[in-house]
Amino acid sequence: MKIIKLISAFLCLSVFLLANEATVEEVKISKRNGTYSFAVRILHEDSGWEHYVDRFEILDMDGNILATRTLWHPHANEQPFTRSLANIKIDSKIQKVYIRAHDSVDEYSALYETLLP
């Protein structure tokens, strides 16, 4: 019985600790005239200026940053939120990219992997 309580307490603590990490939920990509546009939906419990998502990045498979969208304010009352990044030139050899969010406290989210159209 003590083991079950201990495991339950650990799981509750784990959920609490992970609650404030940003999550890239969805990415919609379009291609036009040789450039890409990304609409990125992010979920994060922004609590104000002291803890909010401040950017997201598009990376190639080697981890090189292809583009960055800076977010200039918290989105505490708008969750999840979607922001776009357009006119991104990406080498035609690249078929897959990663998207990650960054917040002012927990830093980087998990990578969201997606194929280019």
PDB file of N, CA and C in Angstrom:
ATOM      1  N   MET A   1       0.817  -1.193   0.000  1.00  0.00           N
ATOM      2  CA  MET A   1       0.000   0.000   0.000  1.00  0.00           C
ATOM      3  C   MET A   1       0.861   1.256   0.000  1.00  0.00           C
ATOM      4  N   LYS A   2       1.959   1.232   0.747  1.00  0.00           N
ATOM      5  CA  LYS A   2       2.851   2.389   0.787  1.00  0.00           C
ATOM      6  C   LYS A   2       3.474   2.639  -0.583  1.00  0.00           C
ATOM      7  N   ILE A   3       3.772   1.568  -1.298  1.00  0.00           N
ATOM      8  CA  ILE A   3       4.371   1.702  -2.623  1.00  0.00           C
ATOM      9  C   ILE A   3       3.387   2.376  -3.576  1.00  0.00           C
ATOM     10  N   ILE A   4       2.127   1.999  -3.502  1.00  0.00           N
ATOM     11  CA  ILE A   4       1.116   2.601  -4.363  1.00  0.00           C
ATOM     12  C   ILE A   4       0.984   4.092  -4.065  1.00  0.00           C
ATOM     13  N   LYS A   5       0.980   4.466  -2.798  1.00  0.00           N
ATOM     14  CA  LYS A   5       0.901   5.879  -2.430  1.00  0.00           C
ATOM     15  C   LYS A   5       2.131   6.635  -2.911  1.00  0.00           C
ATOM     16  N   LEU A   6       3.295   6.010  -2.802  1.00  0.00           N
ATOM     17  CA  LEU A   6       4.537   6.643  -3.236  1.00  0.00           C
ATOM     18  C   LEU A   6       4.539   6.851  -4.751  1.00  0.00           C
ATOM     19  N   ILE A   7       4.117   5.845  -5.485  1.00  0.00           N
ATOM     20  CA  ILE A   7       4.037   5.960  -6.949  1.00  0.00           C
ATOM     21  C   ILE A   7       3.022   7.025  -7.337  1.00  0.00           C
ATOM     22  N   SER A   8       1.885   7.040  -6.682  1.00  0.00           N
ATOM     23  CA  SER A   8       0.853   8.046  -6.965  1.00  0.00           C
ATOM     24  C   SER A   8       1.377   9.455  -6.702  1.00  0.00           C
ATOM     25  N   ALA A   9       2.084   9.640  -5.596  1.00  0.00           N
ATOM     26  CA  ALA A   9       2.654  10.957  -5.270  1.00  0.00           C
ATOM     27  C   ALA A   9       3.682  11.371  -6.316  1.00  0.00           C
ATOM     28  N   PHE A  10       4.503  10.423  -6.748  1.00  0.00           N
ATOM     29  CA  PHE A  10       5.509  10.715  -7.769  1.00  0.00           C
ATOM     30  C   PHE A  10       4.856  11.130  -9.081  1.00  0.00           C
ATOM     31  N   LEU A  11       3.812  10.427  -9.492  1.00  0.00           N
ATOM     32  CA  LEU A  11       3.125  10.766 -10.732  1.00  0.00           C
ATOM     33  C   LEU A  11       2.481  12.145 -10.652  1.00  0.00           C
ATOM     34  N   CYS A  12       1.879  12.477  -9.528  1.00  0.00           N
ATOM     35  CA  CYS A  12       1.283  13.807  -9.355  1.00  0.00           C
ATOM     36  C   CYS A  12       2.351  14.891  -9.423  1.00  0.00           C
ATOM     37  N   LEU A  13       3.480  14.645  -8.795  1.00  0.00           N
ATOM     38  CA  LEU A  13       4.579  15.614  -8.817  1.00  0.00           C
ATOM     39  C   LEU A  13       5.121  15.762 -10.234  1.00  0.00           C
ATOM     40  N   SER A  14       5.245  14.675 -10.974  1.00  0.00           N
ATOM     41  CA  SER A  14       5.742  14.720 -12.350  1.00  0.00           C
ATOM     42  C   SER A  14       4.837  15.554 -13.232  1.00  0.00           C
ATOM     43  N   VAL A  15       3.536  15.376 -13.089  1.00  0.00           N
ATOM     44  CA  VAL A  15       2.579  16.158 -13.877  1.00  0.00           C
ATOM     45  C   VAL A  15       2.715  17.631 -13.529  1.00  0.00           C
ATOM     46  N   PHE A  16       2.858  17.951 -12.250  1.00  0.00           N
ATOM     47  CA  PHE A  16       3.019  19.341 -11.830  1.00  0.00           C
ATOM     48  C   PHE A  16       4.286  19.950 -12.409  1.00  0.00           C
ATOM     49  N   LEU A  17       5.379  19.225 -12.373  1.00  0.00           N
ATOM     50  CA  LEU A  17       6.644  19.757 -12.869  1.00  0.00           C
ATOM     51  C   LEU A  17       6.636  19.967 -14.375  1.00  0.00           C
ATOM     52  N   LEU A  18       5.907  19.162 -15.095  1.00  0.00           N
ATOM     53  CA  LEU A  18       5.844  19.284 -16.545  1.00  0.00           C
ATOM     54  C   LEU A  18       4.767  20.257 -17.021  1.00  0.00           C
ATOM     55  N   ALA A  19       3.926  20.714 -16.109  1.00  0.00           N
ATOM     56  CA  ALA A  19       2.769  21.510 -16.490  1.00  0.00           C
ATOM     57  C   ALA A  19       3.137  22.810 -17.189  1.00  0.00           C
ATOM     58  N   ASN A  20       4.280  23.392 -16.879  1.00  0.00           N
ATOM     59  CA  ASN A  20       4.606  24.689 -17.443  1.00  0.00           C
ATOM     60  C   ASN A  20       5.514  24.621 -18.659  1.00  0.00           C
ATOM     61  N   GLU A  21       5.835  23.456 -19.148  1.00  0.00           N
ATOM     62  CA  GLU A  21       6.635  23.369 -20.361  1.00  0.00           C
ATOM     63  C   GLU A  21       5.758  23.664 -21.574  1.00  0.00           C
ATOM     64  N   ALA A  22       6.324  24.381 -22.523  1.00  0.00           N
ATOM     65  CA  ALA A  22       5.607  24.663 -23.763  1.00  0.00           C
ATOM     66  C   ALA A  22       5.465  23.381 -24.585  1.00  0.00           C
ATOM     67  N   THR A  23       4.368  23.299 -25.309  1.00  0.00           N
ATOM     68  CA  THR A  23       4.123  22.161 -26.187  1.00  0.00           C
ATOM     69  C   THR A  23       3.717  22.666 -27.559  1.00  0.00           C
ATOM     70  N   VAL A  24       4.437  22.248 -28.585  1.00  0.00           N
ATOM     71  CA  VAL A  24       4.015  22.524 -29.957  1.00  0.00           C
ATOM     72  C   VAL A  24       2.963  21.464 -30.279  1.00  0.00           C
ATOM     73  N   GLU A  25       1.722  21.917 -30.442  1.00  0.00           N
ATOM     74  CA  GLU A  25       0.610  20.990 -30.641  1.00  0.00           C
ATOM     75  C   GLU A  25       0.355  20.637 -32.094  1.00  0.00           C
ATOM     76  N   GLU A  26       0.551  21.614 -32.976  1.00  0.00           N
ATOM     77  CA  GLU A  26       0.234  21.400 -34.389  1.00  0.00           C
ATOM     78  C   GLU A  26       1.022  22.392 -35.236  1.00  0.00           C
ATOM     79  N   VAL A  27       1.404  21.945 -36.422  1.00  0.00           N
ATOM     80  CA  VAL A  27       2.095  22.820 -37.371  1.00  0.00           C
ATOM     81  C   VAL A  27       1.462  22.617 -38.740  1.00  0.00           C
ATOM     82  N   LYS A  28       1.035  23.715 -39.346  1.00  0.00           N
ATOM     83  CA  LYS A  28       0.515  23.678 -40.713  1.00  0.00           C
ATOM     84  C   LYS A  28       1.535  24.393 -41.589  1.00  0.00           C
ATOM     85  N   ILE A  29       1.935  23.714 -42.661  1.00  0.00           N
ATOM     86  CA  ILE A  29       2.970  24.245 -43.540  1.00  0.00           C
ATOM     87  C   ILE A  29       2.405  24.387 -44.942  1.00  0.00           C
ATOM     88  N   SER A  30       2.703  25.507 -45.562  1.00  0.00           N
ATOM     89  CA  SER A  30       2.339  25.682 -46.968  1.00  0.00           C
ATOM     90  C   SER A  30       3.572  26.165 -47.725  1.00  0.00           C
ATOM     91  N   LYS A  31       3.592  25.862 -49.026  1.00  0.00           N
ATOM     92  CA  LYS A  31       4.704  26.270 -49.878  1.00  0.00           C
ATOM     93  C   LYS A  31       4.146  27.097 -51.028  1.00  0.00           C
ATOM     94  N   ARG A  32       4.798  28.239 -51.268  1.00  0.00           N
ATOM     95  CA  ARG A  32       4.363  29.106 -52.356  1.00  0.00           C
ATOM     96  C   ARG A  32       5.578  29.850 -52.903  1.00  0.00           C
ATOM     97  N   ASN A  33       5.745  29.804 -54.210  1.00  0.00           N
ATOM     98  CA  ASN A  33       6.840  30.501 -54.878  1.00  0.00           C
ATOM     99  C   ASN A  33       8.214  30.163 -54.279  1.00  0.00           C
ATOM    100  N   GLY A  34       8.391  28.917 -53.902  1.00  0.00           N
ATOM    101  CA  GLY A  34       9.691  28.465 -53.412  1.00  0.00           C
ATOM    102  C   GLY A  34       9.995  28.773 -51.957  1.00  0.00           C
ATOM    103  N   THR A  35       9.031  29.359 -51.235  1.00  0.00           N
ATOM    104  CA  THR A  35       9.241  29.608 -49.805  1.00  0.00           C
ATOM    105  C   THR A  35       8.126  28.943 -49.001  1.00  0.00           C
ATOM    106  N   TYR A  36       8.400  28.750 -47.731  1.00  0.00           N
ATOM    107  CA  TYR A  36       7.461  28.072 -46.846  1.00  0.00           C
ATOM    108  C   TYR A  36       6.870  29.042 -45.830  1.00  0.00           C
ATOM    109  N   SER A  37       5.647  28.728 -45.425  1.00  0.00           N
ATOM    110  CA  SER A  37       4.985  29.424 -44.324  1.00  0.00           C
ATOM    111  C   SER A  37       4.592  28.384 -43.287  1.00  0.00           C
ATOM    112  N   PHE A  38       4.794  28.728 -42.033  1.00  0.00           N
ATOM    113  CA  PHE A  38       4.501  27.831 -40.919  1.00  0.00           C
ATOM    114  C   PHE A  38       3.488  28.500 -39.998  1.00  0.00           C
ATOM    115  N   ALA A  39       2.409  27.805 -39.689  1.00  0.00           N
ATOM    116  CA  ALA A  39       1.451  28.241 -38.665  1.00  0.00           C
ATOM    117  C   ALA A  39       1.619  27.263 -37.505  1.00  0.00           C
ATOM    118  N   VAL A  40       2.105  27.762 -36.379  1.00  0.00           N
ATOM    119  CA  VAL A  40       2.487  26.910 -35.256  1.00  0.00           C
ATOM    120  C   VAL A  40       1.547  27.159 -34.083  1.00  0.00           C
ATOM    121  N   ARG A  41       0.888  26.086 -33.628  1.00  0.00           N
ATOM    122  CA  ARG A  41       0.006  26.181 -32.457  1.00  0.00           C
ATOM    123  C   ARG A  41       0.771  25.680 -31.233  1.00  0.00           C
ATOM    124  N   ILE A  42       0.822  26.544 -30.206  1.00  0.00           N
ATOM    125  CA  ILE A  42       1.587  26.260 -28.993  1.00  0.00           C
ATOM    126  C   ILE A  42       0.671  26.338 -27.778  1.00  0.00           C
ATOM    127  N   LEU A  43       0.853  25.391 -26.860  1.00  0.00           N
ATOM    128  CA  LEU A  43       0.148  25.397 -25.587  1.00  0.00           C
ATOM    129  C   LEU A  43       1.164  25.623 -24.476  1.00  0.00           C
ATOM    130  N   HIS A  44       0.874  26.583 -23.601  1.00  0.00           N
ATOM    131  CA  HIS A  44       1.758  26.870 -22.474  1.00  0.00           C
ATOM    132  C   HIS A  44       0.978  27.656 -21.435  1.00  0.00           C
ATOM    133  N   GLU A  45       1.209  27.369 -20.190  1.00  0.00           N
ATOM    134  CA  GLU A  45       0.529  28.086 -19.117  1.00  0.00           C
ATOM    135  C   GLU A  45       1.255  29.397 -18.831  1.00  0.00           C
ATOM    136  N   ASP A  46       1.228  30.310 -19.806  1.00  0.00           N
ATOM    137  CA  ASP A  46       1.850  31.622 -19.597  1.00  0.00           C
ATOM    138  C   ASP A  46       1.260  32.248 -18.338  1.00  0.00           C
ATOM    139  N   SER A  47       2.129  32.724 -17.454  1.00  0.00           N
ATOM    140  CA  SER A  47       1.643  33.325 -16.208  1.00  0.00           C
ATOM    141  C   SER A  47       1.884  34.827 -16.168  1.00  0.00           C
ATOM    142  N   GLY A  48       2.404  35.382 -17.230  1.00  0.00           N
ATOM    143  CA  GLY A  48       2.701  36.806 -17.294  1.00  0.00           C
ATOM    144  C   GLY A  48       4.123  37.008 -17.781  1.00  0.00           C
ATOM    145  N   TRP A  49       4.616  38.204 -17.609  1.00  0.00           N
ATOM    146  CA  TRP A  49       5.937  38.562 -18.133  1.00  0.00           C
ATOM    147  C   TRP A  49       7.068  37.730 -17.537  1.00  0.00           C
ATOM    148  N   GLU A  50       6.873  37.169 -16.366  1.00  0.00           N
ATOM    149  CA  GLU A  50       7.942  36.392 -15.740  1.00  0.00           C
ATOM    150  C   GLU A  50       8.053  34.966 -16.279  1.00  0.00           C
ATOM    151  N   HIS A  51       7.024  34.481 -16.988  1.00  0.00           N
ATOM    152  CA  HIS A  51       7.057  33.112 -17.515  1.00  0.00           C
ATOM    153  C   HIS A  51       6.105  33.001 -18.695  1.00  0.00           C
ATOM    154  N   TYR A  52       6.673  33.073 -19.895  1.00  0.00           N
ATOM    155  CA  TYR A  52       5.850  32.971 -21.102  1.00  0.00           C
ATOM    156  C   TYR A  52       6.694  32.450 -22.270  1.00  0.00           C
ATOM    157  N   VAL A  53       6.008  31.984 -23.319  1.00  0.00           N
ATOM    158  CA  VAL A  53       6.680  31.523 -24.534  1.00  0.00           C
ATOM    159  C   VAL A  53       7.180  32.759 -25.269  1.00  0.00           C
ATOM    160  N   ASP A  54       8.501  32.814 -25.485  1.00  0.00           N
ATOM    161  CA  ASP A  54       9.077  34.009 -26.103  1.00  0.00           C
ATOM    162  C   ASP A  54       9.547  33.806 -27.544  1.00  0.00           C
ATOM    163  N   ARG A  55       9.493  32.564 -28.041  1.00  0.00           N
ATOM    164  CA  ARG A  55       9.837  32.346 -29.447  1.00  0.00           C
ATOM    165  C   ARG A  55       9.570  30.887 -29.832  1.00  0.00           C
ATOM    166  N   PHE A  56       9.577  30.650 -31.143  1.00  0.00           N
ATOM    167  CA  PHE A  56       9.667  29.283 -31.647  1.00  0.00           C
ATOM    168  C   PHE A  56      10.645  29.268 -32.800  1.00  0.00           C
ATOM    169  N   GLU A  57      11.189  28.092 -33.058  1.00  0.00           N
ATOM    170  CA  GLU A  57      12.246  27.945 -34.064  1.00  0.00           C
ATOM    171  C   GLU A  57      11.946  26.780 -34.990  1.00  0.00           C
ATOM    172  N   ILE A  58      12.385  26.922 -36.235  1.00  0.00           N
ATOM    173  CA  ILE A  58      12.330  25.852 -37.228  1.00  0.00           C
ATOM    174  C   ILE A  58      13.762  25.373 -37.400  1.00  0.00           C
ATOM    175  N   LEU A  59      13.981  24.061 -37.270  1.00  0.00           N
ATOM    176  CA  LEU A  59      15.325  23.492 -37.368  1.00  0.00           C
ATOM    177  C   LEU A  59      15.385  22.411 -38.434  1.00  0.00           C
ATOM    178  N   ASP A  60      16.560  22.236 -39.018  1.00  0.00           N
ATOM    179  CA  ASP A  60      16.749  21.120 -39.937  1.00  0.00           C
ATOM    180  C   ASP A  60      17.080  19.862 -39.132  1.00  0.00           C
ATOM    181  N   MET A  61      17.295  18.751 -39.821  1.00  0.00           N
ATOM    182  CA  MET A  61      17.544  17.471 -39.155  1.00  0.00           C
ATOM    183  C   MET A  61      18.865  17.444 -38.392  1.00  0.00           C
ATOM    184  N   ASP A  62      19.776  18.353 -38.706  1.00  0.00           N
ATOM    185  CA  ASP A  62      21.058  18.427 -38.004  1.00  0.00           C
ATOM    186  C   ASP A  62      21.014  19.392 -36.821  1.00  0.00           C
ATOM    187  N   GLY A  63      19.867  20.008 -36.578  1.00  0.00           N
ATOM    188  CA  GLY A  63      19.732  20.929 -35.463  1.00  0.00           C
ATOM    189  C   GLY A  63      20.075  22.368 -35.789  1.00  0.00           C
ATOM    190  N   ASN A  64      20.331  22.665 -37.065  1.00  0.00           N
ATOM    191  CA  ASN A  64      20.610  24.048 -37.471  1.00  0.00           C
ATOM    192  C   ASN A  64      19.306  24.845 -37.508  1.00  0.00           C
ATOM    193  N   ILE A  65      19.317  26.042 -36.952  1.00  0.00           N
ATOM    194  CA  ILE A  65      18.130  26.886 -36.938  1.00  0.00           C
ATOM    195  C   ILE A  65      17.946  27.512 -38.321  1.00  0.00           C
ATOM    196  N   LEU A  66      16.790  27.239 -38.922  1.00  0.00           N
ATOM    197  CA  LEU A  66      16.458  27.777 -40.240  1.00  0.00           C
ATOM    198  C   LEU A  66      15.704  29.101 -40.131  1.00  0.00           C
ATOM    199  N   ALA A  67      14.920  29.257 -39.066  1.00  0.00           N
ATOM    200  CA  ALA A  67      14.135  30.474 -38.875  1.00  0.00           C
ATOM    201  C   ALA A  67      13.674  30.560 -37.431  1.00  0.00           C
ATOM    202  N   THR A  68      13.452  31.791 -36.969  1.00  0.00           N
ATOM    203  CA  THR A  68      12.979  32.045 -35.613  1.00  0.00           C
ATOM    204  C   THR A  68      11.864  33.079 -35.647  1.00  0.00           C
ATOM    205  N   ARG A  69      10.817  32.839 -34.886  1.00  0.00           N
ATOM    206  CA  ARG A  69       9.750  33.829 -34.696  1.00  0.00           C
ATOM    207  C   ARG A  69       9.789  34.241 -33.227  1.00  0.00           C
ATOM    208  N   THR A  70      10.092  35.501 -32.978  1.00  0.00           N
ATOM    209  CA  THR A  70      10.100  36.033 -31.624  1.00  0.00           C
ATOM    210  C   THR A  70       8.683  36.422 -31.229  1.00  0.00           C
ATOM    211  N   LEU A  71       8.300  36.068 -30.014  1.00  0.00           N
ATOM    212  CA  LEU A  71       6.987  36.424 -29.472  1.00  0.00           C
ATOM    213  C   LEU A  71       7.225  37.457 -28.380  1.00  0.00           C
ATOM    214  N   TRP A  72       6.643  38.627 -28.531  1.00  0.00           N
ATOM    215  CA  TRP A  72       7.011  39.789 -27.731  1.00  0.00           C
ATOM    216  C   TRP A  72       6.205  39.976 -26.460  1.00  0.00           C
ATOM    217  N   HIS A  73       5.200  39.126 -26.220  1.00  0.00           N
ATOM    218  CA  HIS A  73       4.378  39.298 -25.011  1.00  0.00           C
ATOM    219  C   HIS A  73       3.768  37.969 -24.595  1.00  0.00           C
ATOM    220  N   PRO A  74       3.319  37.876 -23.348  1.00  0.00           N
ATOM    221  CA  PRO A  74       2.649  36.654 -22.871  1.00  0.00           C
ATOM    222  C   PRO A  74       1.300  36.446 -23.567  1.00  0.00           C
ATOM    223  N   HIS A  75       0.870  35.206 -23.573  1.00  0.00           N
ATOM    224  CA  HIS A  75      -0.429  34.830 -24.145  1.00  0.00           C
ATOM    225  C   HIS A  75      -1.267  34.125 -23.079  1.00  0.00           C
ATOM    226  N   ALA A  76      -1.321  34.714 -21.890  1.00  0.00           N
ATOM    227  CA  ALA A  76      -1.977  34.080 -20.742  1.00  0.00           C
ATOM    228  C   ALA A  76      -3.457  33.813 -20.984  1.00  0.00           C
ATOM    229  N   ASN A  77      -4.135  34.675 -21.700  1.00  0.00           N
ATOM    230  CA  ASN A  77      -5.578  34.524 -21.923  1.00  0.00           C
ATOM    231  C   ASN A  77      -5.908  33.997 -23.317  1.00  0.00           C
ATOM    232  N   GLU A  78      -4.932  33.424 -23.967  1.00  0.00           N
ATOM    233  CA  GLU A  78      -5.112  32.931 -25.335  1.00  0.00           C
ATOM    234  C   GLU A  78      -4.386  31.595 -25.461  1.00  0.00           C
ATOM    235  N   GLN A  79      -5.018  30.517 -25.009  1.00  0.00           N
ATOM    236  CA  GLN A  79      -4.373  29.218 -25.009  1.00  0.00           C
ATOM    237  C   GLN A  79      -5.257  28.158 -25.632  1.00  0.00           C
ATOM    238  N   PRO A  80      -4.736  27.300 -26.476  1.00  0.00           N
ATOM    239  CA  PRO A  80      -3.431  27.463 -27.123  1.00  0.00           C
ATOM    240  C   PRO A  80      -3.492  28.628 -28.101  1.00  0.00           C
ATOM    241  N   PHE A  81      -2.344  29.072 -28.557  1.00  0.00           N
ATOM    242  CA  PHE A  81      -2.304  30.173 -29.511  1.00  0.00           C
ATOM    243  C   PHE A  81      -1.519  29.755 -30.743  1.00  0.00           C
ATOM    244  N   THR A  82      -1.825  30.396 -31.867  1.00  0.00           N
ATOM    245  CA  THR A  82      -1.163  30.089 -33.136  1.00  0.00           C
ATOM    246  C   THR A  82      -0.503  31.355 -33.658  1.00  0.00           C
ATOM    247  N   ARG A  83       0.747  31.203 -34.061  1.00  0.00           N
ATOM    248  CA  ARG A  83       1.480  32.302 -34.679  1.00  0.00           C
ATOM    249  C   ARG A  83       2.142  31.773 -35.945  1.00  0.00           C
ATOM    250  N   SER A  84       2.322  32.647 -36.920  1.00  0.00           N
ATOM    251  CA  SER A  84       2.856  32.252 -38.216  1.00  0.00           C
ATOM    252  C   SER A  84       4.226  32.838 -38.465  1.00  0.00           C
ATOM    253  N   LEU A  85       4.921  32.183 -39.357  1.00  0.00           N
ATOM    254  CA  LEU A  85       6.239  32.617 -39.812  1.00  0.00           C
ATOM    255  C   LEU A  85       6.274  32.319 -41.303  1.00  0.00           C
ATOM    256  N   ALA A  86       6.497  33.349 -42.130  1.00  0.00           N
ATOM    257  CA  ALA A  86       6.361  33.198 -43.587  1.00  0.00           C
ATOM    258  C   ALA A  86       7.644  33.541 -44.321  1.00  0.00           C
ATOM    259  N   ASN A  87       7.639  33.191 -45.613  1.00  0.00           N
ATOM    260  CA  ASN A  87       8.742  33.487 -46.537  1.00  0.00           C
ATOM    261  C   ASN A  87      10.067  32.876 -46.106  1.00  0.00           C
ATOM    262  N   ILE A  88      10.010  31.618 -45.661  1.00  0.00           N
ATOM    263  CA  ILE A  88      11.204  30.912 -45.204  1.00  0.00           C
ATOM    264  C   ILE A  88      11.761  30.098 -46.370  1.00  0.00           C
ATOM    265  N   LYS A  89      12.995  30.394 -46.745  1.00  0.00           N
ATOM    266  CA  LYS A  89      13.660  29.634 -47.799  1.00  0.00           C
ATOM    267  C   LYS A  89      14.350  28.429 -47.165  1.00  0.00           C
ATOM    268  N   ILE A  90      14.037  27.254 -47.721  1.00  0.00           N
ATOM    269  CA  ILE A  90      14.616  26.011 -47.220  1.00  0.00           C
ATOM    270  C   ILE A  90      15.155  25.231 -48.405  1.00  0.00           C
ATOM    271  N   ASP A  91      16.371  24.769 -48.280  1.00  0.00           N
ATOM    272  CA  ASP A  91      17.034  23.995 -49.339  1.00  0.00           C
ATOM    273  C   ASP A  91      16.137  22.836 -49.766  1.00  0.00           C
ATOM    274  N   SER A  92      16.054  22.601 -51.053  1.00  0.00           N
ATOM    275  CA  SER A  92      15.184  21.550 -51.594  1.00  0.00           C
ATOM    276  C   SER A  92      15.604  20.151 -51.155  1.00  0.00           C
ATOM    277  N   LYS A  93      16.822  19.980 -50.672  1.00  0.00           N
ATOM    278  CA  LYS A  93      17.280  18.678 -50.166  1.00  0.00           C
ATOM    279  C   LYS A  93      16.662  18.327 -48.819  1.00  0.00           C
ATOM    280  N   ILE A  94      16.164  19.335 -48.109  1.00  0.00           N
ATOM    281  CA  ILE A  94      15.574  19.107 -46.789  1.00  0.00           C
ATOM    282  C   ILE A  94      14.132  18.666 -46.955  1.00  0.00           C
ATOM    283  N   GLN A  95      13.808  17.511 -46.391  1.00  0.00           N
ATOM    284  CA  GLN A  95      12.465  16.957 -46.509  1.00  0.00           C
ATOM    285  C   GLN A  95      11.687  16.996 -45.197  1.00  0.00           C
ATOM    286  N   LYS A  96      12.413  17.132 -44.082  1.00  0.00           N
ATOM    287  CA  LYS A  96      11.794  17.085 -42.766  1.00  0.00           C
ATOM    288  C   LYS A  96      12.393  18.183 -41.902  1.00  0.00           C
ATOM    289  N   VAL A  97      11.570  18.790 -41.044  1.00  0.00           N
ATOM    290  CA  VAL A  97      12.056  19.815 -40.122  1.00  0.00           C
ATOM    291  C   VAL A  97      11.516  19.536 -38.722  1.00  0.00           C
ATOM    292  N   TYR A  98      12.134  20.183 -37.758  1.00  0.00           N
ATOM    293  CA  TYR A  98      11.671  20.166 -36.377  1.00  0.00           C
ATOM    294  C   TYR A  98      11.229  21.574 -36.003  1.00  0.00           C
ATOM    295  N   ILE A  99      10.228  21.647 -35.154  1.00  0.00           N
ATOM    296  CA  ILE A  99       9.799  22.921 -34.594  1.00  0.00           C
ATOM    297  C   ILE A  99       9.876  22.769 -33.086  1.00  0.00           C
ATOM    298  N   ARG A 100      10.401  23.811 -32.418  1.00  0.00           N
ATOM    299  CA  ARG A 100      10.437  23.796 -30.962  1.00  0.00           C
ATOM    300  C   ARG A 100      10.082  25.181 -30.448  1.00  0.00           C
ATOM    301  N   ALA A 101       9.407  25.188 -29.309  1.00  0.00           N
ATOM    302  CA  ALA A 101       9.063  26.438 -28.638  1.00  0.00           C
ATOM    303  C   ALA A 101      10.091  26.689 -27.541  1.00  0.00           C
ATOM    304  N   HIS A 102      10.199  27.938 -27.137  1.00  0.00           N
ATOM    305  CA  HIS A 102      11.104  28.326 -26.058  1.00  0.00           C
ATOM    306  C   HIS A 102      10.340  29.219 -25.099  1.00  0.00           C
ATOM    307  N   ASP A 103      10.428  28.916 -23.788  1.00  0.00           N
ATOM    308  CA  ASP A 103       9.824  29.829 -22.826  1.00  0.00           C
ATOM    309  C   ASP A 103      10.892  30.397 -21.906  1.00  0.00           C
ATOM    310  N   SER A 104      10.547  31.477 -21.243  1.00  0.00           N
ATOM    311  CA  SER A 104      11.515  32.273 -20.492  1.00  0.00           C
ATOM    312  C   SER A 104      12.038  31.597 -19.226  1.00  0.00           C
ATOM    313  N   VAL A 105      11.427  30.486 -18.803  1.00  0.00           N
ATOM    314  CA  VAL A 105      11.878  29.788 -17.591  1.00  0.00           C
ATOM    315  C   VAL A 105      12.382  28.383 -17.914  1.00  0.00           C
ATOM    316  N   ASP A 106      11.527  27.580 -18.555  1.00  0.00           N
ATOM    317  CA  ASP A 106      11.860  26.170 -18.808  1.00  0.00           C
ATOM    318  C   ASP A 106      12.684  25.948 -20.059  1.00  0.00           C
ATOM    319  N   GLU A 107      12.887  26.985 -20.818  1.00  0.00           N
ATOM    320  CA  GLU A 107      13.648  26.971 -22.063  1.00  0.00           C
ATOM    321  C   GLU A 107      12.943  26.165 -23.143  1.00  0.00           C
ATOM    322  N   TYR A 108      13.600  25.158 -23.759  1.00  0.00           N
ATOM    323  CA  TYR A 108      13.069  24.523 -24.965  1.00  0.00           C
ATOM    324  C   TYR A 108      12.066  23.409 -24.695  1.00  0.00           C
ATOM    325  N   SER A 109      11.079  23.341 -25.575  1.00  0.00           N
ATOM    326  CA  SER A 109      10.100  22.255 -25.551  1.00  0.00           C
ATOM    327  C   SER A 109      10.687  21.034 -26.247  1.00  0.00           C
ATOM    328  N   ALA A 110       9.906  19.968 -26.233  1.00  0.00           N
ATOM    329  CA  ALA A 110      10.255  18.799 -27.035  1.00  0.00           C
ATOM    330  C   ALA A 110      10.159  19.188 -28.505  1.00  0.00           C
ATOM    331  N   LEU A 111      10.884  18.472 -29.347  1.00  0.00           N
ATOM    332  CA  LEU A 111      10.857  18.740 -30.782  1.00  0.00           C
ATOM    333  C   LEU A 111       9.593  18.167 -31.403  1.00  0.00           C
ATOM    334  N   TYR A 112       9.002  18.943 -32.296  1.00  0.00           N
ATOM    335  CA  TYR A 112       7.861  18.520 -33.098  1.00  0.00           C
ATOM    336  C   TYR A 112       8.399  18.235 -34.497  1.00  0.00           C
ATOM    337  N   GLU A 113       8.277  17.020 -34.938  1.00  0.00           N
ATOM    338  CA  GLU A 113       8.842  16.617 -36.237  1.00  0.00           C
ATOM    339  C   GLU A 113       7.749  16.605 -37.295  1.00  0.00           C
ATOM    340  N   THR A 114       8.066  17.169 -38.476  1.00  0.00           N
ATOM    341  CA  THR A 114       7.076  17.177 -39.557  1.00  0.00           C
ATOM    342  C   THR A 114       7.768  17.172 -40.921  1.00  0.00           C
ATOM    343  N   LEU A 115       7.082  16.598 -41.889  1.00  0.00           N
ATOM    344  CA  LEU A 115       7.589  16.591 -43.263  1.00  0.00           C
ATOM    345  C   LEU A 115       7.196  17.884 -43.954  1.00  0.00           C
ATOM    346  N   LEU A 116       8.034  18.336 -44.859  1.00  0.00           N
ATOM    347  CA  LEU A 116       7.692  19.499 -45.666  1.00  0.00           C
ATOM    348  C   LEU A 116       6.793  19.047 -46.822  1.00  0.00           C
ATOM    349  N   PRO A 117       5.864  19.907 -47.243  1.00  0.00           N
ATOM    350  CA  PRO A 117       4.984  19.534 -48.365  1.00  0.00           C
ATOM    351  C   PRO A 117       5.746  19.525 -49.683  1.00  0.00           C
TER     352      PRO A 117
END
